[in-house]
C-alpha atoms as a PDB file:
ATOM      1  CA  UNK A   1       0.062  -0.176   0.106  1.00  0.00           C
ATOM      2  CA  UNK A   2       2.763   2.854   1.173  1.00  0.00           C
ATOM      3  CA  UNK A   3       4.503   1.749  -2.386  1.00  0.00           C
ATOM      4  CA  UNK A   4       1.515   2.519  -4.143  1.00  0.00           C
ATOM      5  CA  UNK A   5       1.275   6.187  -2.651  1.00  0.00           C
ATOM      6  CA  UNK A   6       4.790   6.622  -3.037  1.00  0.00           C
ATOM      7  CA  UNK A   7       4.159   6.091  -6.802  1.00  0.00           C
ATOM      8  CA  UNK A   8       1.344   8.645  -6.861  1.00  0.00           C
ATOM      9  CA  UNK A   9       3.377  10.871  -5.379  1.00  0.00           C
ATOM     10  CA  UNK A  10       6.468  10.425  -7.799  1.00  0.00           C
ATOM     11  CA  UNK A  11       3.882  10.302 -10.569  1.00  0.00           C
ATOM     12  CA  UNK A  12       2.132  13.756  -9.483  1.00  0.00           C
ATOM     13  CA  UNK A  13       5.790  15.766  -8.904  1.00  0.00           C
ATOM     14  CA  UNK A  14       6.974  14.805 -12.299  1.00  0.00           C
ATOM     15  CA  UNK A  15       3.916  15.924 -13.747  1.00  0.00           C
ATOM     16  CA  UNK A  16       4.184  19.255 -11.608  1.00  0.00           C
ATOM     17  CA  UNK A  17       8.065  19.681 -12.830  1.00  0.00           C
ATOM     18  CA  UNK A  18       6.457  18.841 -16.446  1.00  0.00           C
ATOM     19  CA  UNK A  19       4.188  21.572 -15.990  1.00  0.00           C
ATOM     20  CA  UNK A  20       6.567  23.959 -14.723  1.00  0.00           C
ATOM     21  CA  UNK A  21       9.027  23.263 -17.952  1.00  0.00           C
ATOM     22  CA  UNK A  22       6.102  23.871 -20.255  1.00  0.00           C
ATOM     23  CA  UNK A  23       5.872  27.206 -19.124  1.00  0.00           C
ATOM     24  CA  UNK A  24       4.940  27.768 -15.783  1.00  0.00           C
ATOM     25  CA  UNK A  25       2.589  30.797 -14.607  1.00  0.00           C
ATOM     26  CA  UNK A  26       1.511  32.917 -17.268  1.00  0.00           C
ATOM     27  CA  UNK A  27       3.398  35.079 -18.972  1.00  0.00           C
ATOM     28  CA  UNK A  28       6.025  32.944 -19.587  1.00  0.00           C
ATOM     29  CA  UNK A  29       7.871  34.498 -22.306  1.00  0.00           C
ATOM     30  CA  UNK A  30       7.969  37.579 -23.909  1.00  0.00           C
ATOM     31  CA  UNK A  31       4.737  39.867 -25.088  1.00  0.00           C
ATOM     32  CA  UNK A  32       3.494  40.925 -28.521  1.00  0.00           C
ATOM     33  CA  UNK A  33       1.384  44.225 -28.927  1.00  0.00           C
ATOM     34  CA  UNK A  34       0.069  44.286 -32.492  1.00  0.00           C
ATOM     35  CA  UNK A  35      -0.310  47.225 -34.376  1.00  0.00           C
ATOM     36  CA  UNK A  36      -2.079  46.768 -37.038  1.00  0.00           C
ATOM     37  CA  UNK A  37      -1.160  49.302 -39.007  1.00  0.00           C
ATOM     38  CA  UNK A  38       2.050  51.400 -39.713  1.00  0.00           C
ATOM     39  CA  UNK A  39       4.296  53.370 -37.547  1.00  0.00           C
ATOM     40  CA  UNK A  40       2.769  56.457 -36.544  1.00  0.00           C
ATOM     41  CA  UNK A  41      -1.474  56.264 -36.486  1.00  0.00           C
ATOM     42  CA  UNK A  42      -3.524  55.900 -34.062  1.00  0.00           C
ATOM     43  CA  UNK A  43      -3.318  51.677 -33.403  1.00  0.00           C
ATOM     44  CA  UNK A  44       0.520  52.521 -33.575  1.00  0.00           C
ATOM     45  CA  UNK A  45       0.008  55.155 -31.155  1.00  0.00           C
ATOM     46  CA  UNK A  46      -2.058  53.433 -28.422  1.00  0.00           C
ATOM     47  CA  UNK A  47       0.049  50.325 -28.338  1.00  0.00           C
ATOM     48  CA  UNK A  48       3.349  52.354 -28.152  1.00  0.00           C
ATOM     49  CA  UNK A  49       1.540  54.258 -24.697  1.00  0.00           C
ATOM     50  CA  UNK A  50       0.580  50.608 -23.324  1.00  0.00           C
ATOM     51  CA  UNK A  51       3.780  49.487 -23.853  1.00  0.00           C
ATOM     52  CA  UNK A  52       5.331  52.787 -21.989  1.00  0.00           C
ATOM     53  CA  UNK A  53       2.990  52.806 -19.088  1.00  0.00           C
ATOM     54  CA  UNK A  54       3.838  48.620 -18.507  1.00  0.00           C
ATOM     55  CA  UNK A  55       7.263  49.341 -18.676  1.00  0.00           C
ATOM     56  CA  UNK A  56       7.664  52.236 -17.201  1.00  0.00           C
ATOM     57  CA  UNK A  57       5.048  51.621 -14.001  1.00  0.00           C
ATOM     58  CA  UNK A  58       6.690  47.704 -14.116  1.00  0.00           C
ATOM     59  CA  UNK A  59       2.974  46.571 -14.768  1.00  0.00           C
ATOM     60  CA  UNK A  60       4.497  43.855 -16.799  1.00  0.00           C
ATOM     61  CA  UNK A  61       7.250  42.495 -15.862  1.00  0.00           C
ATOM     62  CA  UNK A  62       8.273  40.400 -19.034  1.00  0.00           C
ATOM     63  CA  UNK A  63       9.881  42.361 -21.673  1.00  0.00           C
ATOM     64  CA  UNK A  64       7.313  44.084 -24.532  1.00  0.00           C
ATOM     65  CA  UNK A  65       7.591  44.605 -28.087  1.00  0.00           C
ATOM     66  CA  UNK A  66       5.449  46.628 -30.637  1.00  0.00           C
ATOM     67  CA  UNK A  67       4.276  44.637 -33.927  1.00  0.00           C
ATOM     68  CA  UNK A  68       3.626  46.644 -36.854  1.00  0.00           C
ATOM     69  CA  UNK A  69       1.351  44.811 -39.089  1.00  0.00           C
ATOM     70  CA  UNK A  70       0.083  47.240 -41.538  1.00  0.00           C
ATOM     71  CA  UNK A  71      -2.662  46.492 -44.317  1.00  0.00           C
ATOM     72  CA  UNK A  72      -5.538  45.495 -45.275  1.00  0.00           C
ATOM     73  CA  UNK A  73      -7.486  48.396 -43.325  1.00  0.00           C
ATOM     74  CA  UNK A  74      -6.015  46.103 -39.947  1.00  0.00           C
ATOM     75  CA  UNK A  75      -6.309  42.915 -41.747  1.00  0.00           C
ATOM     76  CA  UNK A  76      -2.880  41.861 -41.837  1.00  0.00           C
ATOM     77  CA  UNK A  77      -2.022  42.192 -38.503  1.00  0.00           C
ATOM     78  CA  UNK A  78      -5.607  40.720 -36.665  1.00  0.00           C
ATOM     79  CA  UNK A  79      -4.958  37.487 -39.291  1.00  0.00           C
ATOM     80  CA  UNK A  80      -1.341  37.315 -37.494  1.00  0.00           C
ATOM     81  CA  UNK A  81      -2.905  38.067 -34.523  1.00  0.00           C
ATOM     82  CA  UNK A  82      -5.544  34.708 -34.831  1.00  0.00           C
ATOM     83  CA  UNK A  83      -2.535  32.372 -35.183  1.00  0.00           C
ATOM     84  CA  UNK A  84      -0.962  33.511 -31.730  1.00  0.00           C
ATOM     85  CA  UNK A  85      -0.989  32.617 -28.249  1.00  0.00           C
ATOM     86  CA  UNK A  86      -2.388  35.160 -24.998  1.00  0.00           C
ATOM     87  CA  UNK A  87       1.267  36.796 -25.049  1.00  0.00           C
ATOM     88  CA  UNK A  88       0.330  38.544 -27.875  1.00  0.00           C
ATOM     89  CA  UNK A  89      -2.506  41.250 -28.323  1.00  0.00           C
ATOM     90  CA  UNK A  90      -3.859  43.485 -31.254  1.00  0.00           C
ATOM     91  CA  UNK A  91      -5.420  47.119 -31.411  1.00  0.00           C
ATOM     92  CA  UNK A  92      -8.710  46.895 -32.512  1.00  0.00           C
ATOM     93  CA  UNK A  93     -11.478  50.100 -33.176  1.00  0.00           C
ATOM     94  CA  UNK A  94     -14.517  49.923 -35.083  1.00  0.00           C
ATOM     95  CA  UNK A  95     -13.086  48.652 -38.418  1.00  0.00           C
ATOM     96  CA  UNK A  96     -12.769  45.121 -37.075  1.00  0.00           C
ATOM     97  CA  UNK A  97     -17.004  44.966 -37.285  1.00  0.00           C
ATOM     98  CA  UNK A  98     -17.754  47.125 -40.239  1.00  0.00           C
ATOM     99  CA  UNK A  99     -14.971  45.316 -42.496  1.00  0.00           C
ATOM    100  CA  UNK A 100     -16.403  42.507 -41.842  1.00  0.00           C
ATOM    101  CA  UNK A 101     -20.138  43.969 -41.913  1.00  0.00           C
ATOM    102  CA  UNK A 102     -18.643  45.135 -45.526  1.00  0.00           C
ATOM    103  CA  UNK A 103     -17.539  42.242 -46.806  1.00  0.00           C
ATOM    104  CA  UNK A 104     -14.417  43.441 -47.008  1.00  0.00           C
ATOM    105  CA  UNK A 105     -12.924  40.800 -44.454  1.00  0.00           C
ATOM    106  CA  UNK A 106     -14.066  37.672 -43.178  1.00  0.00           C
ATOM    107  CA  UNK A 107     -12.722  38.264 -39.427  1.00  0.00           C
ATOM    108  CA  UNK A 108     -14.968  39.454 -37.210  1.00  0.00           C
ATOM    109  CA  UNK A 109     -14.804  40.904 -32.918  1.00  0.00           C
ATOM    110  CA  UNK A 110     -15.784  36.748 -33.127  1.00  0.00           C
ATOM    111  CA  UNK A 111     -12.833  35.447 -34.007  1.00  0.00           C
ATOM    112  CA  UNK A 112     -11.155  37.069 -31.193  1.00  0.00           C
ATOM    113  CA  UNK A 113     -11.200  37.222 -27.614  1.00  0.00           C
ATOM    114  CA  UNK A 114     -12.294  40.563 -25.980  1.00  0.00           C
ATOM    115  CA  UNK A 115      -9.935  42.010 -23.488  1.00  0.00           C
ATOM    116  CA  UNK A 116     -10.522  45.858 -23.355  1.00  0.00           C
ATOM    117  CA  UNK A 117     -11.897  49.226 -24.652  1.00  0.00           C
ATOM    118  CA  UNK A 118      -8.882  51.378 -23.878  1.00  0.00           C
ATOM    119  CA  UNK A 119     -10.264  54.900 -25.241  1.00  0.00           C
ATOM    120  CA  UNK A 120     -12.659  57.453 -27.346  1.00  0.00           C
ATOM    121  CA  UNK A 121     -11.948  60.234 -29.504  1.00  0.00           C
ATOM    122  CA  UNK A 122     -15.913  61.972 -30.289  1.00  0.00           C
ATOM    123  CA  UNK A 123     -16.906  62.842 -33.642  1.00  0.00           C
ATOM    124  CA  UNK A 124     -17.665  66.450 -35.008  1.00  0.00           C
ATOM    125  CA  UNK A 125     -19.660  67.750 -37.324  1.00  0.00           C
ATOM    126  CA  UNK A 126     -17.736  71.280 -39.049  1.00  0.00           C
ATOM    127  CA  UNK A 127     -18.525  74.455 -41.376  1.00  0.00           C
ATOM    128  CA  UNK A 128     -16.645  76.960 -42.603  1.00  0.00           C
ATOM    129  CA  UNK A 129     -16.099  80.008 -40.252  1.00  0.00           C
ATOM    130  CA  UNK A 130     -17.972  82.193 -43.106  1.00  0.00           C
ATOM    131  CA  UNK A 131     -21.306  79.563 -43.606  1.00  0.00           C
ATOM    132  CA  UNK A 132     -24.734  81.174 -42.780  1.00  0.00           C
ATOM    133  CA  UNK A 133     -25.185  77.602 -41.259  1.00  0.00           C
ATOM    134  CA  UNK A 134     -24.542  78.102 -37.413  1.00  0.00           C
ATOM    135  CA  UNK A 135     -26.221  74.646 -35.908  1.00  0.00           C
ATOM    136  CA  UNK A 136     -26.911  71.347 -36.418  1.00  0.00           C
ATOM    137  CA  UNK A 137     -30.551  71.984 -36.197  1.00  0.00           C
ATOM    138  CA  UNK A 138     -30.115  74.302 -39.185  1.00  0.00           C
ATOM    139  CA  UNK A 139     -27.939  71.449 -41.023  1.00  0.00           C
ATOM    140  CA  UNK A 140     -30.361  68.906 -40.807  1.00  0.00           C
ATOM    141  CA  UNK A 141     -33.261  71.071 -41.274  1.00  0.00           C
ATOM    142  CA  UNK A 142     -31.618  71.977 -44.773  1.00  0.00           C
ATOM    143  CA  UNK A 143     -30.965  68.161 -45.246  1.00  0.00           C
ATOM    144  CA  UNK A 144     -34.540  67.019 -44.542  1.00  0.00           C
ATOM    145  CA  UNK A 145     -35.719  69.327 -46.951  1.00  0.00           C
ATOM    146  CA  UNK A 146     -33.511  68.298 -49.524  1.00  0.00           C
ATOM    147  CA  UNK A 147     -30.767  65.539 -48.908  1.00  0.00           C
ATOM    148  CA  UNK A 148     -28.749  66.894 -51.654  1.00  0.00           C
ATOM    149  CA  UNK A 149     -28.979  70.537 -50.930  1.00  0.00           C
ATOM    150  CA  UNK A 150     -25.139  70.228 -48.886  1.00  0.00           C
ATOM    151  CA  UNK A 151     -22.028  68.474 -50.178  1.00  0.00           C
ATOM    152  CA  UNK A 152     -20.184  66.665 -46.950  1.00  0.00           C
ATOM    153  CA  UNK A 153     -16.354  65.890 -47.209  1.00  0.00           C
ATOM    154  CA  UNK A 154     -15.801  62.393 -44.943  1.00  0.00           C
ATOM    155  CA  UNK A 155     -12.401  60.423 -44.901  1.00  0.00           C
ATOM    156  CA  UNK A 156     -10.944  58.191 -45.732  1.00  0.00           C
ATOM    157  CA  UNK A 157     -14.442  56.135 -47.065  1.00  0.00           C
ATOM    158  CA  UNK A 158     -17.448  55.609 -46.315  1.00  0.00           C
ATOM    159  CA  UNK A 159     -18.484  53.416 -43.098  1.00  0.00           C
ATOM    160  CA  UNK A 160     -15.961  54.579 -40.620  1.00  0.00           C
ATOM    161  CA  UNK A 161     -17.212  56.010 -37.625  1.00  0.00           C
ATOM    162  CA  UNK A 162     -16.857  60.013 -39.257  1.00  0.00           C
ATOM    163  CA  UNK A 163     -19.229  58.556 -42.047  1.00  0.00           C
ATOM    164  CA  UNK A 164     -21.187  56.644 -39.630  1.00  0.00           C
ATOM    165  CA  UNK A 165     -21.782  58.643 -36.704  1.00  0.00           C
ATOM    166  CA  UNK A 166     -22.967  61.323 -38.972  1.00  0.00           C
ATOM    167  CA  UNK A 167     -25.613  58.867 -40.334  1.00  0.00           C
ATOM    168  CA  UNK A 168     -26.960  58.201 -36.918  1.00  0.00           C
ATOM    169  CA  UNK A 169     -27.820  62.040 -36.502  1.00  0.00           C
ATOM    170  CA  UNK A 170     -29.406  62.416 -39.902  1.00  0.00           C
ATOM    171  CA  UNK A 171     -31.199  59.266 -39.448  1.00  0.00           C
ATOM    172  CA  UNK A 172     -32.478  60.195 -35.763  1.00  0.00           C
ATOM    173  CA  UNK A 173     -33.487  63.499 -37.262  1.00  0.00           C
ATOM    174  CA  UNK A 174     -35.579  62.115 -40.171  1.00  0.00           C
ATOM    175  CA  UNK A 175     -33.272  62.623 -42.836  1.00  0.00           C
ATOM    176  CA  UNK A 176     -33.096  60.438 -45.924  1.00  0.00           C
ATOM    177  CA  UNK A 177     -29.901  59.051 -45.417  1.00  0.00           C
ATOM    178  CA  UNK A 178     -28.940  57.166 -48.748  1.00  0.00           C
ATOM    179  CA  UNK A 179     -29.809  60.490 -50.447  1.00  0.00           C
ATOM    180  CA  UNK A 180     -27.060  62.692 -48.785  1.00  0.00           C
ATOM    181  CA  UNK A 181     -24.306  63.977 -50.928  1.00  0.00           C
ATOM    182  CA  UNK A 182     -21.012  62.175 -49.436  1.00  0.00           C
ATOM    183  CA  UNK A 183     -17.696  63.577 -50.885  1.00  0.00           C
ATOM    184  CA  UNK A 184     -14.769  61.361 -49.856  1.00  0.00           C
ATOM    185  CA  UNK A 185     -11.270  62.025 -49.471  1.00  0.00           C
ATOM    186  CA  UNK A 186      -7.944  60.551 -48.716  1.00  0.00           C
ATOM    187  CA  UNK A 187      -7.331  62.121 -44.881  1.00  0.00           C
ATOM    188  CA  UNK A 188      -8.906  64.121 -42.506  1.00  0.00           C
ATOM    189  CA  UNK A 189      -5.920  66.838 -43.644  1.00  0.00           C
ATOM    190  CA  UNK A 190      -7.574  66.902 -47.236  1.00  0.00           C
ATOM    191  CA  UNK A 191     -11.424  67.034 -45.872  1.00  0.00           C
ATOM    192  CA  UNK A 192     -10.285  70.241 -43.832  1.00  0.00           C
ATOM    193  CA  UNK A 193      -8.538  71.965 -46.938  1.00  0.00           C
ATOM    194  CA  UNK A 194     -11.434  71.611 -48.947  1.00  0.00           C
ATOM    195  CA  UNK A 195     -13.464  72.971 -46.345  1.00  0.00           C
ATOM    196  CA  UNK A 196     -11.559  75.673 -45.447  1.00  0.00           C
ATOM    197  CA  UNK A 197     -11.709  76.677 -49.790  1.00  0.00           C
ATOM    198  CA  UNK A 198     -15.781  76.059 -49.510  1.00  0.00           C
ATOM    199  CA  UNK A 199     -15.479  73.370 -52.114  1.00  0.00           C
ATOM    200  CA  UNK A 200     -17.784  71.765 -49.252  1.00  0.00           C
ATOM    201  CA  UNK A 201     -20.772  72.751 -47.265  1.00  0.00           C
ATOM    202  CA  UNK A 202     -19.637  71.056 -44.190  1.00  0.00           C
ATOM    203  CA  UNK A 203     -17.494  67.961 -43.054  1.00  0.00           C
ATOM    204  CA  UNK A 204     -17.892  64.833 -39.855  1.00  0.00           C
ATOM    205  CA  UNK A 205     -14.769  64.126 -38.445  1.00  0.00           C
ATOM    206  CA  UNK A 206     -13.111  63.217 -35.123  1.00  0.00           C
ATOM    207  CA  UNK A 207     -13.004  66.124 -32.546  1.00  0.00           C
ATOM    208  CA  UNK A 208      -8.961  65.816 -32.677  1.00  0.00           C
ATOM    209  CA  UNK A 209      -8.708  66.763 -36.533  1.00  0.00           C
ATOM    210  CA  UNK A 210     -11.297  69.651 -36.116  1.00  0.00           C
ATOM    211  CA  UNK A 211      -9.675  71.338 -33.053  1.00  0.00           C
ATOM    212  CA  UNK A 212      -7.103  72.939 -34.694  1.00  0.00           C
ATOM    213  CA  UNK A 213      -8.768  74.471 -37.082  1.00  0.00           C
ATOM    214  CA  UNK A 214     -11.728  75.892 -34.708  1.00  0.00           C
ATOM    215  CA  UNK A 215      -9.200  77.177 -32.103  1.00  0.00           C
ATOM    216  CA  UNK A 216      -7.755  79.349 -35.174  1.00  0.00           C
ATOM    217  CA  UNK A 217     -11.084  80.484 -35.746  1.00  0.00           C
ATOM    218  CA  UNK A 218     -11.635  79.103 -39.500  1.00  0.00           C
ATOM    219  CA  UNK A 219     -14.328  76.929 -38.966  1.00  0.00           C
ATOM    220  CA  UNK A 220     -17.356  76.167 -36.590  1.00  0.00           C
ATOM    221  CA  UNK A 221     -18.239  73.179 -34.794  1.00  0.00           C
ATOM    222  CA  UNK A 222     -21.717  72.927 -34.789  1.00  0.00           C
ATOM    223  CA  UNK A 223     -22.093  69.555 -32.449  1.00  0.00           C
ATOM    224  CA  UNK A 224     -19.839  67.009 -30.821  1.00  0.00           C
ATOM    225  CA  UNK A 225     -21.071  63.437 -30.177  1.00  0.00           C
ATOM    226  CA  UNK A 226     -20.053  63.155 -26.163  1.00  0.00           C
ATOM    227  CA  UNK A 227     -22.331  62.903 -23.587  1.00  0.00           C
ATOM    228  CA  UNK A 228     -21.321  66.604 -22.697  1.00  0.00           C
ATOM    229  CA  UNK A 229     -19.370  69.815 -23.386  1.00  0.00           C
ATOM    230  CA  UNK A 230     -15.681  68.477 -24.164  1.00  0.00           C
ATOM    231  CA  UNK A 231     -12.791  70.543 -22.126  1.00  0.00           C
ATOM    232  CA  UNK A 232     -11.458  73.163 -24.265  1.00  0.00           C
ATOM    233  CA  UNK A 233     -14.843  73.054 -26.232  1.00  0.00           C
ATOM    234  CA  UNK A 234     -16.911  74.176 -23.922  1.00  0.00           C
ATOM    235  CA  UNK A 235     -19.281  76.671 -26.074  1.00  0.00           C
ATOM    236  CA  UNK A 236     -19.545  73.628 -28.535  1.00  0.00           C
ATOM    237  CA  UNK A 237     -23.077  71.755 -27.699  1.00  0.00           C
ATOM    238  CA  UNK A 238     -23.312  68.123 -27.910  1.00  0.00           C
ATOM    239  CA  UNK A 239     -26.094  66.795 -30.148  1.00  0.00           C
ATOM    240  CA  UNK A 240     -28.010  65.687 -27.228  1.00  0.00           C
ATOM    241  CA  UNK A 241     -28.165  69.489 -26.451  1.00  0.00           C
ATOM    242  CA  UNK A 242     -29.551  69.973 -30.206  1.00  0.00           C
ATOM    243  CA  UNK A 243     -32.050  68.103 -29.801  1.00  0.00           C
ATOM    244  CA  UNK A 244     -30.411  64.598 -31.306  1.00  0.00           C
ATOM    245  CA  UNK A 245     -30.575  61.818 -28.706  1.00  0.00           C
ATOM    246  CA  UNK A 246     -27.269  60.299 -29.737  1.00  0.00           C
ATOM    247  CA  UNK A 247     -23.988  59.314 -28.329  1.00  0.00           C
ATOM    248  CA  UNK A 248     -21.292  58.323 -30.659  1.00  0.00           C
ATOM    249  CA  UNK A 249     -17.530  56.916 -29.505  1.00  0.00           C
ATOM    250  CA  UNK A 250     -14.750  56.352 -31.943  1.00  0.00           C
ATOM    251  CA  UNK A 251     -13.066  53.922 -29.428  1.00  0.00           C
ATOM    252  CA  UNK A 252     -10.034  51.898 -30.003  1.00  0.00           C
ATOM    253  CA  UNK A 253      -9.345  48.395 -27.775  1.00  0.00           C
ATOM    254  CA  UNK A 254      -6.829  45.678 -27.166  1.00  0.00           C
ATOM    255  CA  UNK A 255      -8.089  42.322 -28.049  1.00  0.00           C
ATOM    256  CA  UNK A 256      -6.239  38.428 -27.639  1.00  0.00           C
ATOM    257  CA  UNK A 257      -6.080  35.407 -29.657  1.00  0.00           C
ATOM    258  CA  UNK A 258      -9.491  32.836 -30.061  1.00  0.00           C
ATOM    259  CA  UNK A 259      -9.183  30.137 -27.605  1.00  0.00           C
ATOM    260  CA  UNK A 260      -7.106  32.210 -24.502  1.00  0.00           C
ATOM    261  CA  UNK A 261      -7.516  30.720 -20.864  1.00  0.00           C
ATOM    262  CA  UNK A 262      -9.440  32.274 -18.277  1.00  0.00           C
ATOM    263  CA  UNK A 263      -5.655  32.583 -16.145  1.00  0.00           C
ATOM    264  CA  UNK A 264      -4.378  34.240 -19.390  1.00  0.00           C
ATOM    265  CA  UNK A 265      -7.685  36.810 -19.497  1.00  0.00           C
ATOM    266  CA  UNK A 266      -7.740  37.680 -15.853  1.00  0.00           C
ATOM    267  CA  UNK A 267      -4.216  38.134 -15.745  1.00  0.00           C
ATOM    268  CA  UNK A 268      -4.833  40.988 -18.358  1.00  0.00           C
ATOM    269  CA  UNK A 269      -7.922  42.112 -16.669  1.00  0.00           C
ATOM    270  CA  UNK A 270      -5.617  42.815 -13.257  1.00  0.00           C
ATOM    271  CA  UNK A 271      -2.671  44.614 -15.366  1.00  0.00           C
ATOM    272  CA  UNK A 272      -4.686  46.467 -17.898  1.00  0.00           C
ATOM    273  CA  UNK A 273      -7.590  47.698 -15.465  1.00  0.00           C
ATOM    274  CA  UNK A 274      -4.245  48.726 -13.191  1.00  0.00           C
ATOM    275  CA  UNK A 275      -2.193  50.835 -16.455  1.00  0.00           C
ATOM    276  CA  UNK A 276      -5.207  53.133 -16.772  1.00  0.00           C
ATOM    277  CA  UNK A 277      -5.496  53.910 -12.944  1.00  0.00           C
ATOM    278  CA  UNK A 278      -2.110  55.306 -13.423  1.00  0.00           C
ATOM    279  CA  UNK A 279      -1.065  59.160 -13.885  1.00  0.00           C
ATOM    280  CA  UNK A 280       0.849  57.934 -16.584  1.00  0.00           C
ATOM    281  CA  UNK A 281      -2.077  56.800 -18.478  1.00  0.00           C
ATOM    282  CA  UNK A 282      -4.090  59.722 -18.045  1.00  0.00           C
ATOM    283  CA  UNK A 283      -1.349  62.355 -19.039  1.00  0.00           C
ATOM    284  CA  UNK A 284      -1.413  60.083 -22.664  1.00  0.00           C
ATOM    285  CA  UNK A 285      -5.056  60.131 -22.665  1.00  0.00           C
ATOM    286  CA  UNK A 286      -4.789  64.082 -22.395  1.00  0.00           C
ATOM    287  CA  UNK A 287      -1.724  64.665 -24.867  1.00  0.00           C
ATOM    288  CA  UNK A 288      -3.442  62.477 -27.231  1.00  0.00           C
ATOM    289  CA  UNK A 289      -6.897  64.468 -26.742  1.00  0.00           C
ATOM    290  CA  UNK A 290      -8.674  61.264 -26.207  1.00  0.00           C
ATOM    291  CA  UNK A 291     -11.453  60.168 -23.423  1.00  0.00           C
ATOM    292  CA  UNK A 292     -10.832  57.766 -20.354  1.00  0.00           C
ATOM    293  CA  UNK A 293     -13.674  54.935 -22.029  1.00  0.00           C
ATOM    294  CA  UNK A 294     -12.330  51.917 -20.088  1.00  0.00           C
ATOM    295  CA  UNK A 295     -14.037  48.429 -20.026  1.00  0.00           C
ATOM    296  CA  UNK A 296     -12.954  45.106 -18.773  1.00  0.00           C
ATOM    297  CA  UNK A 297     -13.374  41.531 -20.961  1.00  0.00           C
ATOM    298  CA  UNK A 298     -16.557  41.096 -19.883  1.00  0.00           C
ATOM    299  CA  UNK A 299     -17.494  44.790 -20.234  1.00  0.00           C
ATOM    300  CA  UNK A 300     -16.364  44.611 -23.696  1.00  0.00           C
ATOM    301  CA  UNK A 301     -17.703  41.381 -24.907  1.00  0.00           C
ATOM    302  CA  UNK A 302     -20.861  43.091 -24.283  1.00  0.00           C
ATOM    303  CA  UNK A 303     -19.876  46.243 -25.847  1.00  0.00           C
ATOM    304  CA  UNK A 304     -18.750  44.332 -29.167  1.00  0.00           C
ATOM    305  CA  UNK A 305     -21.987  42.622 -29.239  1.00  0.00           C
ATOM    306  CA  UNK A 306     -24.353  46.161 -29.016  1.00  0.00           C
ATOM    307  CA  UNK A 307     -21.508  47.579 -31.050  1.00  0.00           C
ATOM    308  CA  UNK A 308     -21.720  44.889 -33.703  1.00  0.00           C
ATOM    309  CA  UNK A 309     -25.888  45.646 -33.787  1.00  0.00           C
ATOM    310  CA  UNK A 310     -25.249  49.655 -34.253  1.00  0.00           C
ATOM    311  CA  UNK A 311     -22.974  49.353 -37.302  1.00  0.00           C
ATOM    312  CA  UNK A 312     -25.051  46.651 -39.084  1.00  0.00           C
ATOM    313  CA  UNK A 313     -28.569  48.895 -38.631  1.00  0.00           C
ATOM    314  CA  UNK A 314     -26.268  52.205 -39.826  1.00  0.00           C
ATOM    315  CA  UNK A 315     -24.726  50.472 -42.526  1.00  0.00           C
ATOM    316  CA  UNK A 316     -27.636  49.460 -43.741  1.00  0.00           C
ATOM    317  CA  UNK A 317     -29.832  52.906 -43.524  1.00  0.00           C
ATOM    318  CA  UNK A 318     -26.806  54.435 -45.270  1.00  0.00           C
ATOM    319  CA  UNK A 319     -27.447  52.023 -48.407  1.00  0.00           C
ATOM    320  CA  UNK A 320     -23.535  50.509 -48.208  1.00  0.00           C
ATOM    321  CA  UNK A 321     -25.037  47.281 -47.120  1.00  0.00           C
ATOM    322  CA  UNK A 322     -28.916  44.819 -47.817  1.00  0.00           C
END
């Protein structure tokens, strides 16, 4: 009998050693943060901000590397993540959802493990300084009467947050959305140029893109998509204040590969939850004019499901999908 128990004890010890040799507690190797774009853009900035705070604050002990995987509107980087393990995370945004709904990608948020929603920008509707339009009520009233009466600039394509935030507001106001005259440009800078040249009547863009021209007195921001007025733009009303019941975040988050373990998800919940509370992270948000918008893994899963349904309806309302 004693020999039998001794054999069991030896077996358990060997199994434990083998498990530790295979990797031990998570994380057991270096960390990758995948930015599915070239250096310099919003996804890359988010990944490098996370890397800096994790390193500087000692939140993650393993070395962290930012990996740039540009191409396909995020497709290349997200495809790379699909084959990795829980030591790799990737930055995401609403394009993960809209690319799929528009038939531009087979990947969906359901292919990955939600980890966190990190921050958001807000959307703005802008007109030239000399425009006769002074409020979004005036703008939407014109469009409701004749959807093609105004040229609206957007970049870099239809189906993104800039476009769909305007679609949601116009739909709520009762405008015939598929008939709106959107002109598409390559970048927010291009939109600003044609707006200042009075080649378009209005533009929809992120607040960070509009704020510089607004501060210089070149444009009027008619409304922002935030739930309350923004610091530095105290004179600019929200859509809600203008009678349009809408809040529209331009969010960025982070996700992991499929089939992550509960231990791995819990690790990242704890570390990212710690990161967003640091003064260093708050300073990064301020410097980039981002707003806090943290949601943990469970909240992120629910949020992505809600966003999927919202974008599905908006793309259908816009006439881009059936």
